[in-house]
Amino acid sequence: MKKLDVVVMSILIFAGINWGLWGLFEFNLVYYIFGKEWIDKLLYVLFGAAGVYYLTGFRIIAERWAQRRK
């Protein structure tokens, strides 16, 4: 599960960078990289799913990573 946590966090970081670029410069990094609208929609669904995963499982994820530090 920790690997999934890392993958999801990477997706969320990429999503955050994309939205930051959009907010500052109206530059869509996802479209720039992939260039197809259907891929954009698919990735935005993936971004949303990653956000829901972290939102609903935040305490469990935090406990899982805290146990590793002990």
PDB file of N, CA and C in Angstrom:
ATOM      1  N   MET A   1       0.809  -1.203   0.000  1.00  0.00           N
ATOM      2  CA  MET A   1       0.000   0.000   0.000  1.00  0.00           C
ATOM      3  C   MET A   1       0.851   1.265   0.000  1.00  0.00           C
ATOM      4  N   LYS A   2       2.052   1.167   0.558  1.00  0.00           N
ATOM      5  CA  LYS A   2       2.898   2.357   0.582  1.00  0.00           C
ATOM      6  C   LYS A   2       3.296   2.787  -0.828  1.00  0.00           C
ATOM      7  N   LYS A   3       3.464   1.811  -1.718  1.00  0.00           N
ATOM      8  CA  LYS A   3       3.789   2.162  -3.107  1.00  0.00           C
ATOM      9  C   LYS A   3       2.629   2.923  -3.736  1.00  0.00           C
ATOM     10  N   LEU A   4       1.405   2.481  -3.447  1.00  0.00           N
ATOM     11  CA  LEU A   4       0.231   3.182  -3.948  1.00  0.00           C
ATOM     12  C   LEU A   4       0.186   4.601  -3.397  1.00  0.00           C
ATOM     13  N   ASP A   5       0.519   4.773  -2.125  1.00  0.00           N
ATOM     14  CA  ASP A   5       0.557   6.110  -1.525  1.00  0.00           C
ATOM     15  C   ASP A   5       1.539   7.019  -2.261  1.00  0.00           C
ATOM     16  N   VAL A   6       2.689   6.485  -2.600  1.00  0.00           N
ATOM     17  CA  VAL A   6       3.706   7.272  -3.305  1.00  0.00           C
ATOM     18  C   VAL A   6       3.228   7.636  -4.705  1.00  0.00           C
ATOM     19  N   VAL A   7       2.611   6.696  -5.395  1.00  0.00           N
ATOM     20  CA  VAL A   7       2.094   6.965  -6.747  1.00  0.00           C
ATOM     21  C   VAL A   7       1.009   8.030  -6.689  1.00  0.00           C
ATOM     22  N   VAL A   8       0.087   7.892  -5.742  1.00  0.00           N
ATOM     23  CA  VAL A   8      -1.000   8.864  -5.619  1.00  0.00           C
ATOM     24  C   VAL A   8      -0.453  10.240  -5.259  1.00  0.00           C
ATOM     25  N   MET A   9       0.515  10.302  -4.368  1.00  0.00           N
ATOM     26  CA  MET A   9       1.095  11.594  -4.009  1.00  0.00           C
ATOM     27  C   MET A   9       1.803  12.228  -5.212  1.00  0.00           C
ATOM     28  N   SER A  10       2.465  11.423  -6.025  1.00  0.00           N
ATOM     29  CA  SER A  10       3.105  11.939  -7.231  1.00  0.00           C
ATOM     30  C   SER A  10       2.069  12.518  -8.191  1.00  0.00           C
ATOM     31  N   ILE A  11       0.942  11.830  -8.325  1.00  0.00           N
ATOM     32  CA  ILE A  11      -0.143  12.330  -9.178  1.00  0.00           C
ATOM     33  C   ILE A  11      -0.667  13.653  -8.636  1.00  0.00           C
ATOM     34  N   LEU A  12      -0.836  13.744  -7.330  1.00  0.00           N
ATOM     35  CA  LEU A  12      -1.336  14.979  -6.727  1.00  0.00           C
ATOM     36  C   LEU A  12      -0.344  16.131  -6.885  1.00  0.00           C
ATOM     37  N   ILE A  13       0.932  15.840  -6.789  1.00  0.00           N
ATOM     38  CA  ILE A  13       1.948  16.885  -6.997  1.00  0.00           C
ATOM     39  C   ILE A  13       1.896  17.391  -8.427  1.00  0.00           C
ATOM     40  N   PHE A  14       1.802  16.464  -9.391  1.00  0.00           N
ATOM     41  CA  PHE A  14       1.705  16.860 -10.798  1.00  0.00           C
ATOM     42  C   PHE A  14       0.445  17.682 -11.034  1.00  0.00           C
ATOM     43  N   ALA A  15      -0.667  17.261 -10.421  1.00  0.00           N
ATOM     44  CA  ALA A  15      -1.920  18.004 -10.569  1.00  0.00           C
ATOM     45  C   ALA A  15      -1.783  19.408  -9.985  1.00  0.00           C
ATOM     46  N   GLY A  16      -1.139  19.513  -8.833  1.00  0.00           N
ATOM     47  CA  GLY A  16      -0.943  20.821  -8.218  1.00  0.00           C
ATOM     48  C   GLY A  16      -0.085  21.748  -9.065  1.00  0.00           C
ATOM     49  N   ILE A  17       0.967  21.190  -9.643  1.00  0.00           N
ATOM     50  CA  ILE A  17       1.816  21.991 -10.532  1.00  0.00           C
ATOM     51  C   ILE A  17       1.017  22.446 -11.746  1.00  0.00           C
ATOM     52  N   ASN A  18       0.224  21.537 -12.311  1.00  0.00           N
ATOM     53  CA  ASN A  18      -0.586  21.879 -13.476  1.00  0.00           C
ATOM     54  C   ASN A  18      -1.570  23.002 -13.157  1.00  0.00           C
ATOM     55  N   TRP A  19      -2.262  22.896 -12.017  1.00  0.00           N
ATOM     56  CA  TRP A  19      -3.228  23.933 -11.661  1.00  0.00           C
ATOM     57  C   TRP A  19      -2.530  25.245 -11.295  1.00  0.00           C
ATOM     58  N   GLY A  20      -1.350  25.165 -10.706  1.00  0.00           N
ATOM     59  CA  GLY A  20      -0.596  26.380 -10.425  1.00  0.00           C
ATOM     60  C   GLY A  20      -0.184  27.107 -11.701  1.00  0.00           C
ATOM     61  N   LEU A  21       0.278  26.337 -12.678  1.00  0.00           N
ATOM     62  CA  LEU A  21       0.642  26.941 -13.965  1.00  0.00           C
ATOM     63  C   LEU A  21      -0.582  27.527 -14.668  1.00  0.00           C
ATOM     64  N   TRP A  22      -1.708  26.823 -14.548  1.00  0.00           N
ATOM     65  CA  TRP A  22      -2.929  27.329 -15.165  1.00  0.00           C
ATOM     66  C   TRP A  22      -3.364  28.634 -14.484  1.00  0.00           C
ATOM     67  N   GLY A  23      -3.290  28.669 -13.177  1.00  0.00           N
ATOM     68  CA  GLY A  23      -3.703  29.864 -12.450  1.00  0.00           C
ATOM     69  C   GLY A  23      -2.812  31.067 -12.703  1.00  0.00           C
ATOM     70  N   LEU A  24      -1.515  30.816 -12.818  1.00  0.00           N
ATOM     71  CA  LEU A  24      -0.582  31.928 -13.015  1.00  0.00           C
ATOM     72  C   LEU A  24      -0.460  32.372 -14.463  1.00  0.00           C
ATOM     73  N   PHE A  25      -0.385  31.395 -15.371  1.00  0.00           N
ATOM     74  CA  PHE A  25      -0.054  31.721 -16.760  1.00  0.00           C
ATOM     75  C   PHE A  25      -1.067  31.228 -17.789  1.00  0.00           C
ATOM     76  N   GLU A  26      -2.160  30.605 -17.323  1.00  0.00           N
ATOM     77  CA  GLU A  26      -3.132  29.962 -18.201  1.00  0.00           C
ATOM     78  C   GLU A  26      -2.440  28.979 -19.154  1.00  0.00           C
ATOM     79  N   PHE A  27      -1.507  28.219 -18.596  1.00  0.00           N
ATOM     80  CA  PHE A  27      -0.750  27.217 -19.340  1.00  0.00           C
ATOM     81  C   PHE A  27      -1.141  25.838 -18.830  1.00  0.00           C
ATOM     82  N   ASN A  28      -1.686  24.995 -19.722  1.00  0.00           N
ATOM     83  CA  ASN A  28      -2.126  23.656 -19.356  1.00  0.00           C
ATOM     84  C   ASN A  28      -1.001  22.665 -19.654  1.00  0.00           C
ATOM     85  N   LEU A  29      -0.291  22.264 -18.619  1.00  0.00           N
ATOM     86  CA  LEU A  29       0.843  21.360 -18.765  1.00  0.00           C
ATOM     87  C   LEU A  29       0.414  19.994 -19.279  1.00  0.00           C
ATOM     88  N   VAL A  30      -0.743  19.513 -18.842  1.00  0.00           N
ATOM     89  CA  VAL A  30      -1.237  18.207 -19.288  1.00  0.00           C
ATOM     90  C   VAL A  30      -1.456  18.220 -20.794  1.00  0.00           C
ATOM     91  N   TYR A  31      -2.121  19.240 -21.304  1.00  0.00           N
ATOM     92  CA  TYR A  31      -2.361  19.325 -22.746  1.00  0.00           C
ATOM     93  C   TYR A  31      -1.054  19.514 -23.505  1.00  0.00           C
ATOM     94  N   TYR A  32      -0.133  20.264 -22.935  1.00  0.00           N
ATOM     95  CA  TYR A  32       1.160  20.495 -23.575  1.00  0.00           C
ATOM     96  C   TYR A  32       1.946  19.191 -23.729  1.00  0.00           C
ATOM     97  N   ILE A  33       1.906  18.357 -22.707  1.00  0.00           N
ATOM     98  CA  ILE A  33       2.654  17.095 -22.742  1.00  0.00           C
ATOM     99  C   ILE A  33       1.975  16.071 -23.638  1.00  0.00           C
ATOM    100  N   PHE A  34       0.656  15.908 -23.483  1.00  0.00           N
ATOM    101  CA  PHE A  34      -0.034  14.824 -24.177  1.00  0.00           C
ATOM    102  C   PHE A  34      -0.750  15.266 -25.440  1.00  0.00           C
ATOM    103  N   GLY A  35      -1.240  16.486 -25.498  1.00  0.00           N
ATOM    104  CA  GLY A  35      -1.793  17.053 -26.715  1.00  0.00           C
ATOM    105  C   GLY A  35      -3.123  16.502 -27.197  1.00  0.00           C
ATOM    106  N   LYS A  36      -3.784  15.699 -26.414  1.00  0.00           N
ATOM    107  CA  LYS A  36      -5.082  15.162 -26.815  1.00  0.00           C
ATOM    108  C   LYS A  36      -6.098  15.458 -25.725  1.00  0.00           C
ATOM    109  N   GLU A  37      -7.268  15.909 -26.135  1.00  0.00           N
ATOM    110  CA  GLU A  37      -8.282  16.304 -25.178  1.00  0.00           C
ATOM    111  C   GLU A  37      -8.802  15.130 -24.361  1.00  0.00           C
ATOM    112  N   TRP A  38      -8.926  13.966 -24.966  1.00  0.00           N
ATOM    113  CA  TRP A  38      -9.447  12.808 -24.226  1.00  0.00           C
ATOM    114  C   TRP A  38      -8.458  12.351 -23.152  1.00  0.00           C
ATOM    115  N   ILE A  39      -7.174  12.534 -23.400  1.00  0.00           N
ATOM    116  CA  ILE A  39      -6.173  12.204 -22.378  1.00  0.00           C
ATOM    117  C   ILE A  39      -6.270  13.205 -21.229  1.00  0.00           C
ATOM    118  N   ASP A  40      -6.507  14.486 -21.573  1.00  0.00           N
ATOM    119  CA  ASP A  40      -6.708  15.504 -20.523  1.00  0.00           C
ATOM    120  C   ASP A  40      -7.834  15.093 -19.588  1.00  0.00           C
ATOM    121  N   LYS A  41      -8.962  14.725 -20.162  1.00  0.00           N
ATOM    122  CA  LYS A  41     -10.121  14.355 -19.345  1.00  0.00           C
ATOM    123  C   LYS A  41      -9.813  13.132 -18.492  1.00  0.00           C
ATOM    124  N   LEU A  42      -9.144  12.156 -19.069  1.00  0.00           N
ATOM    125  CA  LEU A  42      -8.782  10.950 -18.336  1.00  0.00           C
ATOM    126  C   LEU A  42      -7.860  11.284 -17.162  1.00  0.00           C
ATOM    127  N   LEU A  43      -6.877  12.136 -17.403  1.00  0.00           N
ATOM    128  CA  LEU A  43      -5.951  12.516 -16.333  1.00  0.00           C
ATOM    129  C   LEU A  43      -6.640  13.353 -15.258  1.00  0.00           C
ATOM    130  N   TYR A  44      -7.572  14.213 -15.638  1.00  0.00           N
ATOM    131  CA  TYR A  44      -8.283  14.991 -14.632  1.00  0.00           C
ATOM    132  C   TYR A  44      -9.152  14.097 -13.756  1.00  0.00           C
ATOM    133  N   VAL A  45      -9.728  13.042 -14.341  1.00  0.00           N
ATOM    134  CA  VAL A  45     -10.459  12.057 -13.537  1.00  0.00           C
ATOM    135  C   VAL A  45      -9.492  11.356 -12.591  1.00  0.00           C
ATOM    136  N   LEU A  46      -8.308  11.022 -13.079  1.00  0.00           N
ATOM    137  CA  LEU A  46      -7.285  10.395 -12.243  1.00  0.00           C
ATOM    138  C   LEU A  46      -6.853  11.336 -11.118  1.00  0.00           C
ATOM    139  N   PHE A  47      -6.687  12.613 -11.416  1.00  0.00           N
ATOM    140  CA  PHE A  47      -6.346  13.608 -10.395  1.00  0.00           C
ATOM    141  C   PHE A  47      -7.431  13.653  -9.320  1.00  0.00           C
ATOM    142  N   GLY A  48      -8.680  13.659  -9.746  1.00  0.00           N
ATOM    143  CA  GLY A  48      -9.791  13.688  -8.802  1.00  0.00           C
ATOM    144  C   GLY A  48      -9.840  12.434  -7.937  1.00  0.00           C
ATOM    145  N   ALA A  49      -9.629  11.271  -8.562  1.00  0.00           N
ATOM    146  CA  ALA A  49      -9.626  10.014  -7.809  1.00  0.00           C
ATOM    147  C   ALA A  49      -8.495   9.992  -6.790  1.00  0.00           C
ATOM    148  N   ALA A  50      -7.337  10.522  -7.170  1.00  0.00           N
ATOM    149  CA  ALA A  50      -6.211  10.582  -6.234  1.00  0.00           C
ATOM    150  C   ALA A  50      -6.534  11.495  -5.061  1.00  0.00           C
ATOM    151  N   GLY A  51      -7.188  12.603  -5.338  1.00  0.00           N
ATOM    152  CA  GLY A  51      -7.585  13.510  -4.258  1.00  0.00           C
ATOM    153  C   GLY A  51      -8.583  12.869  -3.310  1.00  0.00           C
ATOM    154  N   VAL A  52      -9.554  12.151  -3.853  1.00  0.00           N
ATOM    155  CA  VAL A  52     -10.550  11.468  -3.018  1.00  0.00           C
ATOM    156  C   VAL A  52      -9.882  10.373  -2.192  1.00  0.00           C
ATOM    157  N   TYR A  53      -8.946   9.640  -2.796  1.00  0.00           N
ATOM    158  CA  TYR A  53      -8.215   8.597  -2.080  1.00  0.00           C
ATOM    159  C   TYR A  53      -7.517   9.182  -0.856  1.00  0.00           C
ATOM    160  N   TYR A  54      -6.807  10.293  -1.047  1.00  0.00           N
ATOM    161  CA  TYR A  54      -6.105  10.898   0.088  1.00  0.00           C
ATOM    162  C   TYR A  54      -7.057  11.534   1.081  1.00  0.00           C
ATOM    163  N   LEU A  55      -8.118  12.125   0.593  1.00  0.00           N
ATOM    164  CA  LEU A  55      -9.080  12.758   1.491  1.00  0.00           C
ATOM    165  C   LEU A  55      -9.768  11.734   2.376  1.00  0.00           C
ATOM    166  N   THR A  56     -10.201  10.627   1.812  1.00  0.00           N
ATOM    167  CA  THR A  56     -10.928   9.627   2.587  1.00  0.00           C
ATOM    168  C   THR A  56     -10.014   8.769   3.453  1.00  0.00           C
ATOM    169  N   GLY A  57      -8.778   8.582   3.040  1.00  0.00           N
ATOM    170  CA  GLY A  57      -7.889   7.706   3.789  1.00  0.00           C
ATOM    171  C   GLY A  57      -6.742   8.398   4.458  1.00  0.00           C
ATOM    172  N   PHE A  58      -6.867   9.693   4.710  1.00  0.00           N
ATOM    173  CA  PHE A  58      -5.736  10.463   5.228  1.00  0.00           C
ATOM    174  C   PHE A  58      -5.216   9.912   6.552  1.00  0.00           C
ATOM    175  N   ARG A  59      -6.099   9.611   7.469  1.00  0.00           N
ATOM    176  CA  ARG A  59      -5.648   9.123   8.780  1.00  0.00           C
ATOM    177  C   ARG A  59      -4.958   7.765   8.653  1.00  0.00           C
ATOM    178  N   ILE A  60      -5.519   6.897   7.846  1.00  0.00           N
ATOM    179  CA  ILE A  60      -4.923   5.572   7.657  1.00  0.00           C
ATOM    180  C   ILE A  60      -3.549   5.695   7.010  1.00  0.00           C
ATOM    181  N   ILE A  61      -3.438   6.553   6.021  1.00  0.00           N
ATOM    182  CA  ILE A  61      -2.162   6.758   5.331  1.00  0.00           C
ATOM    183  C   ILE A  61      -1.135   7.343   6.302  1.00  0.00           C
ATOM    184  N   ALA A  62      -1.546   8.321   7.100  1.00  0.00           N
ATOM    185  CA  ALA A  62      -0.634   8.939   8.067  1.00  0.00           C
ATOM    186  C   ALA A  62      -0.154   7.914   9.095  1.00  0.00           C
ATOM    187  N   GLU A  63      -1.061   7.075   9.565  1.00  0.00           N
ATOM    188  CA  GLU A  63      -0.662   6.035  10.520  1.00  0.00           C
ATOM    189  C   GLU A  63       0.289   5.024   9.890  1.00  0.00           C
ATOM    190  N   ARG A  64       0.025   4.651   8.662  1.00  0.00           N
ATOM    191  CA  ARG A  64       0.875   3.694   7.964  1.00  0.00           C
ATOM    192  C   ARG A  64       2.299   4.226   7.847  1.00  0.00           C
ATOM    193  N   TRP A  65       2.439   5.506   7.523  1.00  0.00           N
ATOM    194  CA  TRP A  65       3.776   6.080   7.377  1.00  0.00           C
ATOM    195  C   TRP A  65       4.416   6.391   8.721  1.00  0.00           C
ATOM    196  N   ALA A  66       3.620   6.667   9.742  1.00  0.00           N
ATOM    197  CA  ALA A  66       4.162   6.926  11.078  1.00  0.00           C
ATOM    198  C   ALA A  66       4.745   5.658  11.676  1.00  0.00           C
ATOM    199  N   GLN A  67       4.148   4.516  11.394  1.00  0.00           N
ATOM    200  CA  GLN A  67       4.664   3.248  11.900  1.00  0.00           C
ATOM    201  C   GLN A  67       6.053   2.955  11.347  1.00  0.00           C
ATOM    202  N   ARG A  68       6.314   3.389  10.155  1.00  0.00           N
ATOM    203  CA  ARG A  68       7.610   3.160   9.535  1.00  0.00           C
ATOM    204  C   ARG A  68       8.712   3.937  10.251  1.00  0.00           C
ATOM    205  N   ARG A  69       8.379   5.089  10.788  1.00  0.00           N
ATOM    206  CA  ARG A  69       9.366   5.932  11.451  1.00  0.00           C
ATOM    207  C   ARG A  69       9.792   5.403  12.810  1.00  0.00           C
ATOM    208  N   LYS A  70       8.965   4.550  13.416  1.00  0.00           N
ATOM    209  CA  LYS A  70       9.263   4.036  14.763  1.00  0.00           C
ATOM    210  C   LYS A  70      10.367   3.025  14.761  1.00  0.00           C
TER     211      LYS A  70
END
